[in-house]
Amino acid sequence: FECSLQGSIHESNVPLLLTRLRGLCINNETKVQTREITYKNIPYTSHTPSEVRAKYDLTAPPNNKWRLRYIGTPLLGEKTLATIRNIVDIEVSDNTLPFMEYMGYRYEFEYLLQG
């Protein structure tokens, strides 16, 4: 189960937020450095494009694998205040990036998560 929270807070509340987040997390000061590339497909119909994110952990040994995360469109008709989406994570081989383009997905952007 994964929960994602998005929002903004006033700068003066950042220390309090960090304290609360540390309280939720395991006391493990592991360094993180991940490359993430976002791809989208442009459907030929009026449906919303799907999104796939390719992730690679740069702190792992050289035999680390790429991971793909499919992020589905929001499910409609649910009587809830939260956005509900299907998300699928899989481990894939090293030829992931050319394969994504071959499947009709287009490169959108990439970023580095570090901390």
N, C-alpha and C. Protein backbone atom coordinates (compact mmCIF):
# COMPACT_ATOMS: atom_id res chain seq x y z
N PHE A 1 0.85 -1.18 0.00
CA PHE A 1 0.00 0.00 0.00
C PHE A 1 0.88 1.23 0.00
N GLU A 2 0.57 2.16 -0.87
CA GLU A 2 1.34 3.40 -0.94
C GLU A 2 0.40 4.57 -0.94
N CYS A 3 0.75 5.59 -0.22
CA CYS A 3 -0.05 6.80 -0.15
C CYS A 3 0.82 7.97 -0.58
N SER A 4 0.31 8.83 -1.42
CA SER A 4 1.06 9.98 -1.90
C SER A 4 0.30 11.24 -1.51
N LEU A 5 1.01 12.19 -0.94
CA LEU A 5 0.42 13.43 -0.48
C LEU A 5 1.06 14.59 -1.22
N GLN A 6 0.25 15.46 -1.77
CA GLN A 6 0.76 16.63 -2.47
C GLN A 6 0.11 17.87 -1.89
N GLY A 7 0.87 18.94 -1.81
CA GLY A 7 0.31 20.17 -1.29
C GLY A 7 1.41 21.19 -1.07
N SER A 8 1.06 22.28 -0.47
CA SER A 8 2.04 23.31 -0.17
C SER A 8 1.83 23.78 1.27
N ILE A 9 2.93 24.19 1.88
CA ILE A 9 2.87 24.72 3.24
C ILE A 9 3.68 26.00 3.29
N HIS A 10 3.42 26.80 4.30
CA HIS A 10 4.18 28.02 4.50
C HIS A 10 5.59 27.66 4.96
N GLU A 11 6.55 28.44 4.54
CA GLU A 11 7.96 28.16 4.84
C GLU A 11 8.22 28.03 6.34
N SER A 12 7.50 28.76 7.15
CA SER A 12 7.71 28.69 8.60
C SER A 12 7.30 27.34 9.19
N ASN A 13 6.48 26.57 8.47
CA ASN A 13 6.01 25.27 8.96
C ASN A 13 6.88 24.10 8.50
N VAL A 14 7.92 24.35 7.71
CA VAL A 14 8.77 23.27 7.19
C VAL A 14 9.42 22.47 8.32
N PRO A 15 10.01 23.11 9.35
CA PRO A 15 10.63 22.31 10.42
C PRO A 15 9.63 21.37 11.11
N LEU A 16 8.42 21.83 11.35
CA LEU A 16 7.40 20.99 11.98
C LEU A 16 7.04 19.81 11.08
N LEU A 17 6.89 20.07 9.79
CA LEU A 17 6.57 19.00 8.84
C LEU A 17 7.69 17.96 8.82
N LEU A 18 8.94 18.39 8.76
CA LEU A 18 10.06 17.46 8.74
C LEU A 18 10.10 16.61 10.01
N THR A 19 9.81 17.21 11.15
CA THR A 19 9.77 16.47 12.41
C THR A 19 8.70 15.39 12.37
N ARG A 20 7.53 15.73 11.87
CA ARG A 20 6.44 14.75 11.79
C ARG A 20 6.75 13.64 10.80
N LEU A 21 7.36 13.99 9.66
CA LEU A 21 7.71 12.97 8.67
C LEU A 21 8.77 12.02 9.21
N ARG A 22 9.75 12.56 9.95
CA ARG A 22 10.78 11.70 10.56
C ARG A 22 10.14 10.74 11.56
N GLY A 23 9.10 11.19 12.24
CA GLY A 23 8.41 10.33 13.18
C GLY A 23 7.68 9.18 12.50
N LEU A 24 7.26 9.37 11.27
CA LEU A 24 6.57 8.32 10.52
C LEU A 24 7.53 7.31 9.90
N CYS A 25 8.76 7.71 9.69
CA CYS A 25 9.74 6.89 8.96
C CYS A 25 10.56 6.04 9.92
N ILE A 26 11.12 4.98 9.36
CA ILE A 26 12.05 4.14 10.11
C ILE A 26 13.32 4.96 10.33
N ASN A 27 13.95 4.79 11.46
CA ASN A 27 15.19 5.52 11.76
C ASN A 27 16.34 4.96 10.93
N ASN A 28 16.33 5.31 9.66
CA ASN A 28 17.35 4.81 8.75
C ASN A 28 17.79 5.98 7.87
N GLU A 29 19.00 6.40 8.02
CA GLU A 29 19.52 7.55 7.27
C GLU A 29 20.19 7.08 5.97
N THR A 30 19.48 6.34 5.13
CA THR A 30 20.02 5.84 3.88
C THR A 30 20.05 6.95 2.85
N LYS A 31 21.16 7.07 2.16
CA LYS A 31 21.27 8.05 1.08
C LYS A 31 20.48 7.57 -0.13
N VAL A 32 19.85 8.51 -0.80
CA VAL A 32 19.02 8.20 -1.97
C VAL A 32 19.54 9.00 -3.16
N GLN A 33 19.70 8.32 -4.28
CA GLN A 33 20.03 8.99 -5.54
C GLN A 33 19.41 8.16 -6.65
N THR A 34 18.32 8.66 -7.20
CA THR A 34 17.54 7.94 -8.20
C THR A 34 17.31 8.81 -9.42
N ARG A 35 17.51 8.24 -10.58
CA ARG A 35 17.19 8.92 -11.84
C ARG A 35 15.79 8.46 -12.24
N GLU A 36 14.92 9.42 -12.57
CA GLU A 36 13.56 9.07 -12.97
C GLU A 36 13.21 9.78 -14.27
N ILE A 37 12.72 9.01 -15.23
CA ILE A 37 12.35 9.54 -16.55
C ILE A 37 10.86 9.28 -16.75
N THR A 38 10.13 10.30 -17.16
CA THR A 38 8.69 10.18 -17.37
C THR A 38 8.39 10.12 -18.87
N TYR A 39 7.57 9.12 -19.25
CA TYR A 39 7.11 8.95 -20.62
C TYR A 39 5.59 9.01 -20.65
N LYS A 40 5.05 9.55 -21.73
CA LYS A 40 3.59 9.55 -21.92
C LYS A 40 3.30 9.06 -23.33
N ASN A 41 2.17 8.36 -23.45
CA ASN A 41 1.73 8.00 -24.79
C ASN A 41 0.60 8.92 -25.19
N ILE A 42 0.50 9.20 -26.45
CA ILE A 42 -0.57 10.04 -26.97
C ILE A 42 -1.54 9.11 -27.71
N PRO A 43 -2.68 8.83 -27.10
CA PRO A 43 -3.62 7.90 -27.73
C PRO A 43 -4.28 8.52 -28.97
N TYR A 44 -4.68 7.66 -29.87
CA TYR A 44 -5.34 8.12 -31.10
C TYR A 44 -6.82 8.39 -30.89
N THR A 45 -7.33 8.02 -29.72
CA THR A 45 -8.73 8.30 -29.40
C THR A 45 -8.77 9.46 -28.41
N SER A 46 -9.92 9.73 -27.86
CA SER A 46 -10.07 10.86 -26.95
C SER A 46 -9.70 10.52 -25.51
N HIS A 47 -9.17 9.32 -25.27
CA HIS A 47 -8.82 8.92 -23.91
C HIS A 47 -7.62 9.70 -23.40
N THR A 48 -7.52 9.78 -22.10
CA THR A 48 -6.41 10.47 -21.46
C THR A 48 -5.12 9.67 -21.66
N PRO A 49 -4.00 10.34 -21.94
CA PRO A 49 -2.74 9.60 -22.12
C PRO A 49 -2.30 8.92 -20.83
N SER A 50 -1.65 7.78 -20.97
CA SER A 50 -1.12 7.10 -19.79
C SER A 50 0.31 7.54 -19.55
N GLU A 51 0.77 7.33 -18.33
CA GLU A 51 2.09 7.78 -17.93
C GLU A 51 2.88 6.61 -17.38
N VAL A 52 4.14 6.50 -17.80
CA VAL A 52 5.05 5.48 -17.28
C VAL A 52 6.32 6.17 -16.83
N ARG A 53 6.78 5.83 -15.64
CA ARG A 53 8.02 6.40 -15.11
C ARG A 53 9.07 5.31 -15.01
N ALA A 54 10.23 5.57 -15.59
CA ALA A 54 11.36 4.65 -15.52
C ALA A 54 12.30 5.15 -14.43
N LYS A 55 12.62 4.27 -13.47
CA LYS A 55 13.47 4.66 -12.34
C LYS A 55 14.71 3.78 -12.30
N TYR A 56 15.82 4.40 -11.90
CA TYR A 56 17.07 3.67 -11.76
C TYR A 56 17.78 4.18 -10.52
N ASP A 57 18.10 3.28 -9.60
CA ASP A 57 18.78 3.65 -8.36
C ASP A 57 20.27 3.77 -8.63
N LEU A 58 20.80 4.97 -8.52
CA LEU A 58 22.21 5.23 -8.81
C LEU A 58 23.13 4.83 -7.66
N THR A 59 22.59 4.53 -6.49
CA THR A 59 23.43 4.12 -5.36
C THR A 59 23.62 2.61 -5.30
N ALA A 60 22.90 1.86 -6.12
CA ALA A 60 22.98 0.40 -6.11
C ALA A 60 24.17 -0.08 -6.94
N PRO A 61 24.53 -1.33 -6.78
CA PRO A 61 25.63 -1.88 -7.58
C PRO A 61 25.32 -1.82 -9.08
N PRO A 62 26.33 -2.03 -9.91
CA PRO A 62 26.13 -1.93 -11.37
C PRO A 62 25.09 -2.89 -11.94
N ASN A 63 24.78 -3.97 -11.25
CA ASN A 63 23.79 -4.91 -11.78
C ASN A 63 22.36 -4.54 -11.40
N ASN A 64 22.15 -3.31 -10.96
CA ASN A 64 20.81 -2.84 -10.63
C ASN A 64 19.95 -2.79 -11.89
N LYS A 65 18.67 -3.05 -11.74
CA LYS A 65 17.74 -3.06 -12.88
C LYS A 65 16.89 -1.79 -12.89
N TRP A 66 16.40 -1.45 -14.07
CA TRP A 66 15.42 -0.38 -14.21
C TRP A 66 14.10 -0.87 -13.64
N ARG A 67 13.30 0.06 -13.14
CA ARG A 67 11.94 -0.23 -12.68
C ARG A 67 10.99 0.68 -13.44
N LEU A 68 9.90 0.11 -13.90
CA LEU A 68 8.85 0.89 -14.56
C LEU A 68 7.66 1.00 -13.63
N ARG A 69 7.06 2.17 -13.61
CA ARG A 69 5.84 2.39 -12.83
C ARG A 69 4.79 2.97 -13.77
N TYR A 70 3.75 2.17 -14.02
CA TYR A 70 2.61 2.63 -14.80
C TYR A 70 1.67 3.36 -13.86
N ILE A 71 1.27 4.56 -14.25
CA ILE A 71 0.34 5.36 -13.44
C ILE A 71 -0.92 5.56 -14.26
N GLY A 72 -1.99 4.93 -13.83
CA GLY A 72 -3.24 4.99 -14.57
C GLY A 72 -3.97 6.31 -14.39
N THR A 73 -4.99 6.47 -15.17
CA THR A 73 -5.81 7.68 -15.07
C THR A 73 -6.68 7.59 -13.82
N PRO A 74 -7.10 8.72 -13.28
CA PRO A 74 -7.95 8.69 -12.07
C PRO A 74 -9.24 7.91 -12.33
N LEU A 75 -9.61 7.08 -11.36
CA LEU A 75 -10.86 6.33 -11.47
C LEU A 75 -12.02 7.26 -11.19
N LEU A 76 -12.98 7.27 -12.08
CA LEU A 76 -14.14 8.14 -11.94
C LEU A 76 -15.28 7.39 -11.28
N GLY A 77 -16.16 8.13 -10.67
CA GLY A 77 -17.34 7.53 -10.07
C GLY A 77 -17.15 7.10 -8.63
N GLU A 78 -15.92 7.15 -8.13
CA GLU A 78 -15.69 6.81 -6.73
C GLU A 78 -16.18 7.96 -5.84
N LYS A 79 -16.88 7.65 -4.81
CA LYS A 79 -17.40 8.68 -3.91
C LYS A 79 -16.41 8.89 -2.77
N THR A 80 -15.30 9.54 -3.11
CA THR A 80 -14.26 9.82 -2.13
C THR A 80 -13.61 11.16 -2.47
N LEU A 81 -13.01 11.78 -1.49
CA LEU A 81 -12.33 13.05 -1.73
C LEU A 81 -10.92 12.86 -2.27
N ALA A 82 -10.41 11.62 -2.20
CA ALA A 82 -9.06 11.33 -2.67
C ALA A 82 -9.08 10.89 -4.13
N THR A 83 -7.99 11.15 -4.83
CA THR A 83 -7.83 10.65 -6.20
C THR A 83 -7.33 9.21 -6.12
N ILE A 84 -8.00 8.32 -6.83
CA ILE A 84 -7.63 6.90 -6.83
C ILE A 84 -7.16 6.53 -8.23
N ARG A 85 -5.96 5.93 -8.30
CA ARG A 85 -5.37 5.51 -9.58
C ARG A 85 -4.81 4.10 -9.44
N ASN A 86 -4.81 3.37 -10.55
CA ASN A 86 -4.10 2.10 -10.59
C ASN A 86 -2.63 2.39 -10.83
N ILE A 87 -1.76 1.73 -10.05
CA ILE A 87 -0.32 1.88 -10.21
C ILE A 87 0.28 0.49 -10.23
N VAL A 88 1.14 0.24 -11.23
CA VAL A 88 1.80 -1.06 -11.36
C VAL A 88 3.30 -0.82 -11.44
N ASP A 89 4.07 -1.50 -10.57
CA ASP A 89 5.53 -1.43 -10.56
C ASP A 89 6.10 -2.76 -11.04
N ILE A 90 7.08 -2.71 -11.95
CA ILE A 90 7.75 -3.92 -12.41
C ILE A 90 9.24 -3.64 -12.60
N GLU A 91 10.04 -4.69 -12.47
CA GLU A 91 11.46 -4.60 -12.76
C GLU A 91 11.67 -5.05 -14.21
N VAL A 92 12.49 -4.31 -14.95
CA VAL A 92 12.67 -4.58 -16.38
C VAL A 92 14.16 -4.64 -16.74
N SER A 93 14.44 -5.00 -17.99
CA SER A 93 15.82 -5.15 -18.44
C SER A 93 16.45 -3.82 -18.82
N ASP A 94 17.69 -3.87 -19.25
CA ASP A 94 18.45 -2.66 -19.54
C ASP A 94 18.03 -1.92 -20.81
N ASN A 95 17.32 -2.57 -21.71
CA ASN A 95 16.92 -1.89 -22.95
C ASN A 95 15.58 -1.18 -22.81
N THR A 96 15.27 -0.73 -21.62
CA THR A 96 13.98 -0.12 -21.29
C THR A 96 13.72 1.15 -22.08
N LEU A 97 14.69 2.04 -22.15
CA LEU A 97 14.44 3.35 -22.77
C LEU A 97 14.12 3.23 -24.27
N PRO A 98 14.89 2.48 -25.06
CA PRO A 98 14.49 2.31 -26.47
C PRO A 98 13.14 1.59 -26.61
N PHE A 99 12.87 0.64 -25.72
CA PHE A 99 11.62 -0.09 -25.77
C PHE A 99 10.42 0.82 -25.56
N MET A 100 10.55 1.77 -24.62
CA MET A 100 9.44 2.70 -24.36
C MET A 100 9.10 3.50 -25.62
N GLU A 101 10.11 3.98 -26.31
CA GLU A 101 9.86 4.75 -27.54
C GLU A 101 9.27 3.86 -28.62
N TYR A 102 9.73 2.62 -28.71
CA TYR A 102 9.19 1.67 -29.68
C TYR A 102 7.71 1.40 -29.43
N MET A 103 7.30 1.41 -28.17
CA MET A 103 5.91 1.14 -27.81
C MET A 103 5.00 2.37 -27.98
N GLY A 104 5.57 3.48 -28.43
CA GLY A 104 4.76 4.65 -28.70
C GLY A 104 4.74 5.68 -27.58
N TYR A 105 5.55 5.47 -26.57
CA TYR A 105 5.63 6.45 -25.49
C TYR A 105 6.65 7.52 -25.85
N ARG A 106 6.37 8.73 -25.44
CA ARG A 106 7.22 9.87 -25.76
C ARG A 106 7.88 10.39 -24.49
N TYR A 107 9.15 10.72 -24.60
CA TYR A 107 9.92 11.28 -23.49
C TYR A 107 9.30 12.62 -23.10
N GLU A 108 9.01 12.80 -21.82
CA GLU A 108 8.44 14.07 -21.33
C GLU A 108 9.50 14.86 -20.57
N PHE A 109 10.05 14.28 -19.51
CA PHE A 109 11.07 14.96 -18.71
C PHE A 109 11.76 13.94 -17.82
N GLU A 110 12.87 14.36 -17.22
CA GLU A 110 13.54 13.52 -16.24
C GLU A 110 14.10 14.38 -15.13
N TYR A 111 14.35 13.75 -14.00
CA TYR A 111 14.93 14.46 -12.87
C TYR A 111 15.70 13.49 -11.99
N LEU A 112 16.48 14.05 -11.10
CA LEU A 112 17.31 13.28 -10.18
C LEU A 112 16.81 13.52 -8.76
N LEU A 113 16.47 12.44 -8.07
CA LEU A 113 16.08 12.51 -6.67
C LEU A 113 17.32 12.26 -5.85
N GLN A 114 17.64 13.17 -4.95
CA GLN A 114 18.87 13.04 -4.19
C GLN A 114 18.65 13.52 -2.77
N GLY A 115 19.16 12.75 -1.81
CA GLY A 115 19.00 13.18 -0.44
C GLY A 115 19.49 12.17 0.55
